[in-house]
PDB file of all heavy atoms in Angstrom:
ATOM      1  N   ARG A   1     -26.222 -32.571  72.692  1.00  0.00           N
ATOM      2  CA  ARG A   1     -25.836 -33.926  72.302  1.00  0.00           C
ATOM      3  C   ARG A   1     -26.501 -34.920  73.241  1.00  0.00           C
ATOM      4  O   ARG A   1     -26.781 -34.616  74.397  1.00  0.00           O
ATOM      5  CB  ARG A   1     -24.311 -34.119  72.346  1.00  0.00           C
ATOM      6  CG  ARG A   1     -23.559 -33.484  71.191  1.00  0.00           C
ATOM      7  CD  ARG A   1     -22.120 -33.968  71.142  1.00  0.00           C
ATOM      8  NE  ARG A   1     -21.421 -33.659  72.383  1.00  0.00           N
ATOM      9  CZ  ARG A   1     -20.585 -34.493  72.991  1.00  0.00           C
ATOM     10  NH1 ARG A   1     -20.372 -35.717  72.497  1.00  0.00           N
ATOM     11  NH2 ARG A   1     -19.968 -34.142  74.106  1.00  0.00           N
ATOM     12  N   VAL A   2     -26.721 -36.121  72.716  1.00  0.00           N
ATOM     13  CA  VAL A   2     -27.391 -37.182  73.462  1.00  0.00           C
ATOM     14  C   VAL A   2     -26.530 -38.435  73.440  1.00  0.00           C
ATOM     15  O   VAL A   2     -25.995 -38.813  72.393  1.00  0.00           O
ATOM     16  CB  VAL A   2     -28.774 -37.497  72.846  1.00  0.00           C
ATOM     17  CG1 VAL A   2     -29.396 -38.721  73.501  1.00  0.00           C
ATOM     18  CG2 VAL A   2     -29.702 -36.294  72.953  1.00  0.00           C
ATOM     19  N   GLY A   3     -26.403 -39.072  74.608  1.00  0.00           N
ATOM     20  CA  GLY A   3     -25.766 -40.374  74.699  1.00  0.00           C
ATOM     21  C   GLY A   3     -26.820 -41.413  75.029  1.00  0.00           C
ATOM     22  O   GLY A   3     -27.550 -41.267  76.015  1.00  0.00           O
ATOM     23  N   MET A   4     -26.946 -42.441  74.203  1.00  0.00           N
ATOM     24  CA  MET A   4     -27.950 -43.485  74.422  1.00  0.00           C
ATOM     25  C   MET A   4     -27.339 -44.652  75.180  1.00  0.00           C
ATOM     26  O   MET A   4     -26.403 -45.291  74.701  1.00  0.00           O
ATOM     27  CB  MET A   4     -28.500 -43.972  73.072  1.00  0.00           C
ATOM     28  CG  MET A   4     -29.294 -42.912  72.336  1.00  0.00           C
ATOM     29  SD  MET A   4     -29.954 -43.563  70.765  1.00  0.00           S
ATOM     30  CE  MET A   4     -31.097 -42.239  70.311  1.00  0.00           C
ATOM     31  N   LEU A   5     -27.874 -44.899  76.383  1.00  0.00           N
ATOM     32  CA  LEU A   5     -27.399 -45.989  77.224  1.00  0.00           C
ATOM     33  C   LEU A   5     -28.356 -47.170  77.161  1.00  0.00           C
ATOM     34  O   LEU A   5     -29.572 -46.984  77.207  1.00  0.00           O
ATOM     35  CB  LEU A   5     -27.281 -45.540  78.676  1.00  0.00           C
ATOM     36  CG  LEU A   5     -26.015 -44.801  79.113  1.00  0.00           C
ATOM     37  CD1 LEU A   5     -26.164 -44.351  80.557  1.00  0.00           C
ATOM     38  CD2 LEU A   5     -24.776 -45.660  78.959  1.00  0.00           C
ATOM     39  N   ALA A   6     -27.801 -48.351  77.085  1.00  0.00           N
ATOM     40  CA  ALA A   6     -28.603 -49.575  77.129  1.00  0.00           C
ATOM     41  C   ALA A   6     -27.760 -50.665  77.770  1.00  0.00           C
ATOM     42  O   ALA A   6     -26.644 -50.940  77.307  1.00  0.00           O
ATOM     43  CB  ALA A   6     -29.040 -49.996  75.729  1.00  0.00           C
ATOM     44  N   GLU A   7     -28.258 -51.228  78.850  1.00  0.00           N
ATOM     45  CA  GLU A   7     -27.578 -52.314  79.554  1.00  0.00           C
ATOM     46  C   GLU A   7     -26.130 -51.961  79.873  1.00  0.00           C
ATOM     47  O   GLU A   7     -25.221 -52.779  79.721  1.00  0.00           O
ATOM     48  CB  GLU A   7     -27.656 -53.604  78.733  1.00  0.00           C
ATOM     49  CG  GLU A   7     -29.093 -54.066  78.511  1.00  0.00           C
ATOM     50  CD  GLU A   7     -29.187 -55.327  77.676  1.00  0.00           C
ATOM     51  OE1 GLU A   7     -28.160 -55.712  77.075  1.00  0.00           O
ATOM     52  OE2 GLU A   7     -30.275 -55.923  77.629  1.00  0.00           O
ATOM     53  N   GLY A   8     -25.939 -50.715  80.321  1.00  0.00           N
ATOM     54  CA  GLY A   8     -24.626 -50.281  80.768  1.00  0.00           C
ATOM     55  C   GLY A   8     -23.656 -49.887  79.675  1.00  0.00           C
ATOM     56  O   GLY A   8     -22.492 -49.568  79.957  1.00  0.00           O
ATOM     57  N   ARG A   9     -24.102 -49.881  78.439  1.00  0.00           N
ATOM     58  CA  ARG A   9     -23.224 -49.514  77.323  1.00  0.00           C
ATOM     59  C   ARG A   9     -23.734 -48.260  76.621  1.00  0.00           C
ATOM     60  O   ARG A   9     -24.950 -48.064  76.485  1.00  0.00           O
ATOM     61  CB  ARG A   9     -23.122 -50.653  76.308  1.00  0.00           C
ATOM     62  CG  ARG A   9     -22.451 -51.904  76.848  1.00  0.00           C
ATOM     63  CD  ARG A   9     -22.386 -52.996  75.804  1.00  0.00           C
ATOM     64  NE  ARG A   9     -23.714 -53.472  75.436  1.00  0.00           N
ATOM     65  CZ  ARG A   9     -24.306 -53.247  74.271  1.00  0.00           C
ATOM     66  NH1 ARG A   9     -23.679 -52.544  73.333  1.00  0.00           N
ATOM     67  NH2 ARG A   9     -25.504 -53.722  74.028  1.00  0.00           N
ATOM     68  N   LEU A  10     -22.817 -47.427  76.166  1.00  0.00           N
ATOM     69  CA  LEU A  10     -23.169 -46.269  75.355  1.00  0.00           C
ATOM     70  C   LEU A  10     -23.265 -46.754  73.908  1.00  0.00           C
ATOM     71  O   LEU A  10     -22.256 -46.977  73.249  1.00  0.00           O
ATOM     72  CB  LEU A  10     -22.119 -45.169  75.494  1.00  0.00           C
ATOM     73  CG  LEU A  10     -22.489 -43.805  74.917  1.00  0.00           C
ATOM     74  CD1 LEU A  10     -23.594 -43.156  75.754  1.00  0.00           C
ATOM     75  CD2 LEU A  10     -21.274 -42.888  74.881  1.00  0.00           C
ATOM     76  N   VAL A  11     -24.489 -46.905  73.411  1.00  0.00           N
ATOM     77  CA  VAL A  11     -24.686 -47.556  72.119  1.00  0.00           C
ATOM     78  C   VAL A  11     -24.743 -46.567  70.962  1.00  0.00           C
ATOM     79  O   VAL A  11     -24.604 -46.967  69.796  1.00  0.00           O
ATOM     80  CB  VAL A  11     -25.969 -48.416  72.132  1.00  0.00           C
ATOM     81  CG1 VAL A  11     -25.809 -49.581  73.099  1.00  0.00           C
ATOM     82  CG2 VAL A  11     -27.188 -47.583  72.519  1.00  0.00           C
ATOM     83  N   ALA A  12     -24.950 -45.291  71.243  1.00  0.00           N
ATOM     84  CA  ALA A  12     -24.953 -44.273  70.187  1.00  0.00           C
ATOM     85  C   ALA A  12     -24.805 -42.912  70.839  1.00  0.00           C
ATOM     86  O   ALA A  12     -25.184 -42.714  71.997  1.00  0.00           O
ATOM     87  CB  ALA A  12     -26.240 -44.331  69.362  1.00  0.00           C
ATOM     88  N   GLU A  13     -24.280 -41.969  70.079  1.00  0.00           N
ATOM     89  CA  GLU A  13     -24.064 -40.623  70.602  1.00  0.00           C
ATOM     90  C   GLU A  13     -24.075 -39.631  69.447  1.00  0.00           C
ATOM     91  O   GLU A  13     -23.607 -39.929  68.352  1.00  0.00           O
ATOM     92  CB  GLU A  13     -22.715 -40.556  71.338  1.00  0.00           C
ATOM     93  CG  GLU A  13     -22.444 -39.231  72.033  1.00  0.00           C
ATOM     94  CD  GLU A  13     -21.063 -39.219  72.674  1.00  0.00           C
ATOM     95  OE1 GLU A  13     -20.087 -39.569  71.975  1.00  0.00           O
ATOM     96  OE2 GLU A  13     -20.960 -38.852  73.861  1.00  0.00           O
ATOM     97  N   GLY A  14     -24.632 -38.454  69.685  1.00  0.00           N
ATOM     98  CA  GLY A  14     -24.654 -37.422  68.659  1.00  0.00           C
ATOM     99  C   GLY A  14     -25.715 -36.383  68.963  1.00  0.00           C
ATOM    100  O   GLY A  14     -26.376 -36.423  70.006  1.00  0.00           O
ATOM    101  N   THR A  15     -25.898 -35.450  68.055  1.00  0.00           N
ATOM    102  CA  THR A  15     -26.972 -34.488  68.229  1.00  0.00           C
ATOM    103  C   THR A  15     -28.302 -35.209  68.042  1.00  0.00           C
ATOM    104  O   THR A  15     -28.370 -36.238  67.357  1.00  0.00           O
ATOM    105  CB  THR A  15     -26.866 -33.353  67.204  1.00  0.00           C
ATOM    106  OG1 THR A  15     -27.091 -33.891  65.889  1.00  0.00           O
ATOM    107  CG2 THR A  15     -25.499 -32.672  67.257  1.00  0.00           C
ATOM    108  N   PRO A  16     -29.374 -34.696  68.651  1.00  0.00           N
ATOM    109  CA  PRO A  16     -30.668 -35.355  68.437  1.00  0.00           C
ATOM    110  C   PRO A  16     -31.024 -35.480  66.963  1.00  0.00           C
ATOM    111  O   PRO A  16     -31.523 -36.522  66.521  1.00  0.00           O
ATOM    112  CB  PRO A  16     -31.648 -34.434  69.186  1.00  0.00           C
ATOM    113  CG  PRO A  16     -30.828 -33.781  70.243  1.00  0.00           C
ATOM    114  CD  PRO A  16     -29.477 -33.581  69.621  1.00  0.00           C
ATOM    115  N   GLU A  17     -30.744 -34.424  66.202  1.00  0.00           N
ATOM    116  CA  GLU A  17     -31.081 -34.448  64.783  1.00  0.00           C
ATOM    117  C   GLU A  17     -30.300 -35.519  64.037  1.00  0.00           C
ATOM    118  O   GLU A  17     -30.855 -36.246  63.199  1.00  0.00           O
ATOM    119  CB  GLU A  17     -30.797 -33.074  64.154  1.00  0.00           C
ATOM    120  CG  GLU A  17     -31.622 -31.937  64.708  1.00  0.00           C
ATOM    121  CD  GLU A  17     -31.096 -31.396  66.025  1.00  0.00           C
ATOM    122  OE1 GLU A  17     -29.985 -31.807  66.452  1.00  0.00           O
ATOM    123  OE2 GLU A  17     -31.797 -30.569  66.656  1.00  0.00           O
ATOM    124  N   ALA A  18     -29.016 -35.651  64.353  1.00  0.00           N
ATOM    125  CA  ALA A  18     -28.188 -36.640  63.661  1.00  0.00           C
ATOM    126  C   ALA A  18     -28.613 -38.064  64.028  1.00  0.00           C
ATOM    127  O   ALA A  18     -28.656 -38.955  63.172  1.00  0.00           O
ATOM    128  CB  ALA A  18     -26.718 -36.428  64.001  1.00  0.00           C
ATOM    129  N   LEU A  19     -28.947 -38.296  65.303  1.00  0.00           N
ATOM    130  CA  LEU A  19     -29.370 -39.630  65.729  1.00  0.00           C
ATOM    131  C   LEU A  19     -30.686 -40.022  65.073  1.00  0.00           C
ATOM    132  O   LEU A  19     -30.858 -41.167  64.641  1.00  0.00           O
ATOM    133  CB  LEU A  19     -29.506 -39.667  67.254  1.00  0.00           C
ATOM    134  CG  LEU A  19     -28.198 -39.606  68.039  1.00  0.00           C
ATOM    135  CD1 LEU A  19     -28.475 -39.408  69.522  1.00  0.00           C
ATOM    136  CD2 LEU A  19     -27.356 -40.861  67.813  1.00  0.00           C
ATOM    137  N   VAL A  20     -31.615 -39.070  64.984  1.00  0.00           N
ATOM    138  CA  VAL A  20     -32.901 -39.368  64.341  1.00  0.00           C
ATOM    139  C   VAL A  20     -32.704 -39.636  62.856  1.00  0.00           C
ATOM    140  O   VAL A  20     -33.274 -40.580  62.290  1.00  0.00           O
ATOM    141  CB  VAL A  20     -33.897 -38.209  64.562  1.00  0.00           C
ATOM    142  CG1 VAL A  20     -35.164 -38.428  63.732  1.00  0.00           C
ATOM    143  CG2 VAL A  20     -34.257 -38.088  66.037  1.00  0.00           C
ATOM    144  N   ALA A  21     -31.863 -38.814  62.205  1.00  0.00           N
ATOM    145  CA  ALA A  21     -31.633 -38.988  60.772  1.00  0.00           C
ATOM    146  C   ALA A  21     -30.979 -40.327  60.467  1.00  0.00           C
ATOM    147  O   ALA A  21     -31.300 -40.983  59.472  1.00  0.00           O
ATOM    148  CB  ALA A  21     -30.761 -37.848  60.242  1.00  0.00           C
ATOM    149  N   GLU A  22     -30.071 -40.773  61.337  1.00  0.00           N
ATOM    150  CA  GLU A  22     -29.323 -42.006  61.068  1.00  0.00           C
ATOM    151  C   GLU A  22     -30.095 -43.259  61.460  1.00  0.00           C
ATOM    152  O   GLU A  22     -30.019 -44.287  60.787  1.00  0.00           O
ATOM    153  CB  GLU A  22     -27.992 -41.978  61.822  1.00  0.00           C
ATOM    154  CG  GLU A  22     -27.112 -43.194  61.555  1.00  0.00           C
ATOM    155  CD  GLU A  22     -25.749 -43.100  62.211  1.00  0.00           C
ATOM    156  OE1 GLU A  22     -25.448 -42.066  62.843  1.00  0.00           O
ATOM    157  OE2 GLU A  22     -24.970 -44.081  62.086  1.00  0.00           O
ATOM    158  N   HIS A  23     -30.851 -43.167  62.562  1.00  0.00           N
ATOM    159  CA  HIS A  23     -31.452 -44.381  63.113  1.00  0.00           C
ATOM    160  C   HIS A  23     -32.976 -44.362  63.194  1.00  0.00           C
ATOM    161  O   HIS A  23     -33.582 -45.404  63.455  1.00  0.00           O
ATOM    162  CB  HIS A  23     -30.905 -44.637  64.530  1.00  0.00           C
ATOM    163  CG  HIS A  23     -29.430 -44.711  64.622  1.00  0.00           C
ATOM    164  ND1 HIS A  23     -28.697 -45.764  64.109  1.00  0.00           N
ATOM    165  CD2 HIS A  23     -28.518 -43.849  65.168  1.00  0.00           C
ATOM    166  CE1 HIS A  23     -27.407 -45.560  64.342  1.00  0.00           C
ATOM    167  NE2 HIS A  23     -27.269 -44.417  64.982  1.00  0.00           N
ATOM    168  N   GLY A  24     -33.594 -43.203  62.999  1.00  0.00           N
ATOM    169  CA  GLY A  24     -35.025 -43.089  63.258  1.00  0.00           C
ATOM    170  C   GLY A  24     -35.922 -43.771  62.252  1.00  0.00           C
ATOM    171  O   GLY A  24     -37.082 -44.054  62.543  1.00  0.00           O
ATOM    172  N   GLY A  25     -35.400 -44.023  61.064  1.00  0.00           N
ATOM    173  CA  GLY A  25     -36.221 -44.661  60.047  1.00  0.00           C
ATOM    174  C   GLY A  25     -37.123 -43.666  59.332  1.00  0.00           C
ATOM    175  O   GLY A  25     -37.154 -42.477  59.656  1.00  0.00           O
ATOM    176  N   PRO A  26     -37.900 -44.134  58.369  1.00  0.00           N
ATOM    177  CA  PRO A  26     -38.765 -43.241  57.587  1.00  0.00           C
ATOM    178  C   PRO A  26     -40.048 -42.905  58.344  1.00  0.00           C
ATOM    179  O   PRO A  26     -40.437 -43.615  59.273  1.00  0.00           O
ATOM    180  CB  PRO A  26     -39.076 -44.077  56.343  1.00  0.00           C
ATOM    181  CG  PRO A  26     -39.058 -45.493  56.849  1.00  0.00           C
ATOM    182  CD  PRO A  26     -37.977 -45.537  57.892  1.00  0.00           C
ATOM    183  N   PRO A  27     -40.722 -41.831  57.948  1.00  0.00           N
ATOM    184  CA  PRO A  27     -42.054 -41.576  58.511  1.00  0.00           C
ATOM    185  C   PRO A  27     -43.002 -42.696  58.101  1.00  0.00           C
ATOM    186  O   PRO A  27     -42.805 -43.341  57.068  1.00  0.00           O
ATOM    187  CB  PRO A  27     -42.455 -40.239  57.882  1.00  0.00           C
ATOM    188  CG  PRO A  27     -41.646 -40.141  56.628  1.00  0.00           C
ATOM    189  CD  PRO A  27     -40.348 -40.834  56.927  1.00  0.00           C
ATOM    190  N   ARG A  28     -44.041 -42.907  58.916  1.00  0.00           N
ATOM    191  CA  ARG A  28     -44.920 -44.034  58.620  1.00  0.00           C
ATOM    192  C   ARG A  28     -46.338 -43.768  59.111  1.00  0.00           C
ATOM    193  O   ARG A  28     -46.561 -42.995  60.040  1.00  0.00           O
ATOM    194  CB  ARG A  28     -44.388 -45.319  59.251  1.00  0.00           C
ATOM    195  CG  ARG A  28     -44.370 -45.319  60.770  1.00  0.00           C
ATOM    196  CD  ARG A  28     -43.621 -46.544  61.289  1.00  0.00           C
ATOM    197  NE  ARG A  28     -43.726 -46.699  62.739  1.00  0.00           N
ATOM    198  CZ  ARG A  28     -42.942 -46.100  63.616  1.00  0.00           C
ATOM    199  NH1 ARG A  28     -42.013 -45.262  63.192  1.00  0.00           N
ATOM    200  NH2 ARG A  28     -43.100 -46.319  64.911  1.00  0.00           N
ATOM    201  N   LEU A  29     -47.259 -44.460  58.465  1.00  0.00           N
ATOM    202  CA  LEU A  29     -48.660 -44.458  58.867  1.00  0.00           C
ATOM    203  C   LEU A  29     -48.963 -45.816  59.484  1.00  0.00           C
ATOM    204  O   LEU A  29     -48.632 -46.854  58.910  1.00  0.00           O
ATOM    205  CB  LEU A  29     -49.566 -44.216  57.653  1.00  0.00           C
ATOM    206  CG  LEU A  29     -51.073 -44.276  57.905  1.00  0.00           C
ATOM    207  CD1 LEU A  29     -51.517 -43.131  58.816  1.00  0.00           C
ATOM    208  CD2 LEU A  29     -51.838 -44.249  56.589  1.00  0.00           C
ATOM    209  N   GLU A  30     -49.586 -45.808  60.665  1.00  0.00           N
ATOM    210  CA  GLU A  30     -49.949 -47.046  61.346  1.00  0.00           C
ATOM    211  C   GLU A  30     -51.460 -47.131  61.457  1.00  0.00           C
ATOM    212  O   GLU A  30     -52.114 -46.158  61.839  1.00  0.00           O
ATOM    213  CB  GLU A  30     -49.332 -47.096  62.749  1.00  0.00           C
ATOM    214  CG  GLU A  30     -47.810 -47.079  62.739  1.00  0.00           C
ATOM    215  CD  GLU A  30     -47.228 -46.983  64.145  1.00  0.00           C
ATOM    216  OE1 GLU A  30     -48.009 -46.704  65.090  1.00  0.00           O
ATOM    217  OE2 GLU A  30     -46.013 -47.167  64.296  1.00  0.00           O
ATOM    218  N   LEU A  31     -52.006 -48.278  61.126  1.00  0.00           N
ATOM    219  CA  LEU A  31     -53.443 -48.509  61.219  1.00  0.00           C
ATOM    220  C   LEU A  31     -53.706 -49.815  61.944  1.00  0.00           C
ATOM    221  O   LEU A  31     -52.935 -50.772  61.817  1.00  0.00           O
ATOM    222  CB  LEU A  31     -54.090 -48.580  59.828  1.00  0.00           C
ATOM    223  CG  LEU A  31     -53.941 -47.376  58.913  1.00  0.00           C
ATOM    224  CD1 LEU A  31     -52.828 -47.640  57.910  1.00  0.00           C
ATOM    225  CD2 LEU A  31     -55.252 -47.100  58.190  1.00  0.00           C
ATOM    226  N   ARG A  32     -54.780 -49.845  62.690  1.00  0.00           N
ATOM    227  CA  ARG A  32     -55.225 -51.082  63.307  1.00  0.00           C
ATOM    228  C   ARG A  32     -56.441 -51.582  62.539  1.00  0.00           C
ATOM    229  O   ARG A  32     -57.480 -50.906  62.484  1.00  0.00           O
ATOM    230  CB  ARG A  32     -55.577 -50.871  64.784  1.00  0.00           C
ATOM    231  CG  ARG A  32     -56.075 -52.145  65.461  1.00  0.00           C
ATOM    232  CD  ARG A  32     -56.017 -52.025  66.966  1.00  0.00           C
ATOM    233  NE  ARG A  32     -54.631 -51.904  67.424  1.00  0.00           N
ATOM    234  CZ  ARG A  32     -54.300 -51.539  68.662  1.00  0.00           C
ATOM    235  NH1 ARG A  32     -55.236 -51.238  69.536  1.00  0.00           N
ATOM    236  NH2 ARG A  32     -53.030 -51.481  69.010  1.00  0.00           N
ATOM    237  N   LEU A  33     -56.303 -52.739  61.936  1.00  0.00           N
ATOM    238  CA  LEU A  33     -57.362 -53.293  61.106  1.00  0.00           C
ATOM    239  C   LEU A  33     -58.494 -53.847  61.966  1.00  0.00           C
ATOM    240  O   LEU A  33     -58.277 -54.326  63.082  1.00  0.00           O
ATOM    241  CB  LEU A  33     -56.803 -54.399  60.221  1.00  0.00           C
ATOM    242  CG  LEU A  33     -55.653 -54.000  59.283  1.00  0.00           C
ATOM    243  CD1 LEU A  33     -55.189 -55.206  58.482  1.00  0.00           C
ATOM    244  CD2 LEU A  33     -56.058 -52.853  58.368  1.00  0.00           C
ATOM    245  N   ALA A  34     -59.699 -53.767  61.434  1.00  0.00           N
ATOM    246  CA  ALA A  34     -60.861 -54.333  62.121  1.00  0.00           C
ATOM    247  C   ALA A  34     -60.724 -55.850  62.192  1.00  0.00           C
ATOM    248  O   ALA A  34     -60.007 -56.482  61.399  1.00  0.00           O
ATOM    249  CB  ALA A  34     -62.143 -53.948  61.387  1.00  0.00           C
ATOM    250  N   GLU A  35     -61.424 -56.450  63.155  1.00  0.00           N
ATOM    251  CA  GLU A  35     -61.312 -57.886  63.383  1.00  0.00           C
ATOM    252  C   GLU A  35     -61.684 -58.703  62.155  1.00  0.00           C
ATOM    253  O   GLU A  35     -61.121 -59.774  61.905  1.00  0.00           O
ATOM    254  CB  GLU A  35     -62.202 -58.292  64.573  1.00  0.00           C
ATOM    255  CG  GLU A  35     -61.698 -57.804  65.929  1.00  0.00           C
ATOM    256  CD  GLU A  35     -60.390 -58.455  66.323  1.00  0.00           C
ATOM    257  OE1 GLU A  35     -60.148 -59.610  65.894  1.00  0.00           O
ATOM    258  OE2 GLU A  35     -59.605 -57.825  67.041  1.00  0.00           O
ATOM    259  N   ASP A  36     -62.637 -58.215  61.368  1.00  0.00           N
ATOM    260  CA  ASP A  36     -63.095 -58.994  60.214  1.00  0.00           C
ATOM    261  C   ASP A  36     -62.361 -58.630  58.926  1.00  0.00           C
ATOM    262  O   ASP A  36     -62.766 -59.063  57.838  1.00  0.00           O
ATOM    263  CB  ASP A  36     -64.607 -58.822  60.027  1.00  0.00           C
ATOM    264  CG  ASP A  36     -65.001 -57.361  59.838  1.00  0.00           C
ATOM    265  OD1 ASP A  36     -64.122 -56.481  60.014  1.00  0.00           O
ATOM    266  OD2 ASP A  36     -66.178 -57.102  59.531  1.00  0.00           O
ATOM    267  N   SER A  37     -61.297 -57.827  59.020  1.00  0.00           N
ATOM    268  CA  SER A  37     -60.540 -57.451  57.823  1.00  0.00           C
ATOM    269  C   SER A  37     -59.398 -58.430  57.575  1.00  0.00           C
ATOM    270  O   SER A  37     -58.755 -58.905  58.517  1.00  0.00           O
ATOM    271  CB  SER A  37     -59.978 -56.033  57.968  1.00  0.00           C
ATOM    272  OG  SER A  37     -61.016 -55.081  57.959  1.00  0.00           O
ATOM    273  N   ASP A  38     -59.146 -58.711  56.312  1.00  0.00           N
ATOM    274  CA  ASP A  38     -58.103 -59.659  55.924  1.00  0.00           C
ATOM    275  C   ASP A  38     -56.800 -58.883  55.692  1.00  0.00           C
ATOM    276  O   ASP A  38     -56.715 -58.068  54.764  1.00  0.00           O
ATOM    277  CB  ASP A  38     -58.522 -60.378  54.645  1.00  0.00           C
ATOM    278  CG  ASP A  38     -57.530 -61.459  54.233  1.00  0.00           C
ATOM    279  OD1 ASP A  38     -56.434 -61.522  54.832  1.00  0.00           O
ATOM    280  OD2 ASP A  38     -57.851 -62.228  53.307  1.00  0.00           O
TER     281      ASP A  38
END
């Protein structure tokens, strides 16, 4: 189990799998566009 601390508060807790499933968001592709691309 994992406890997530931020600024002195426990903001989330659970198994790694459950935390990722609930808060991790969808898989994604990230690209950096060239300077001349719109």
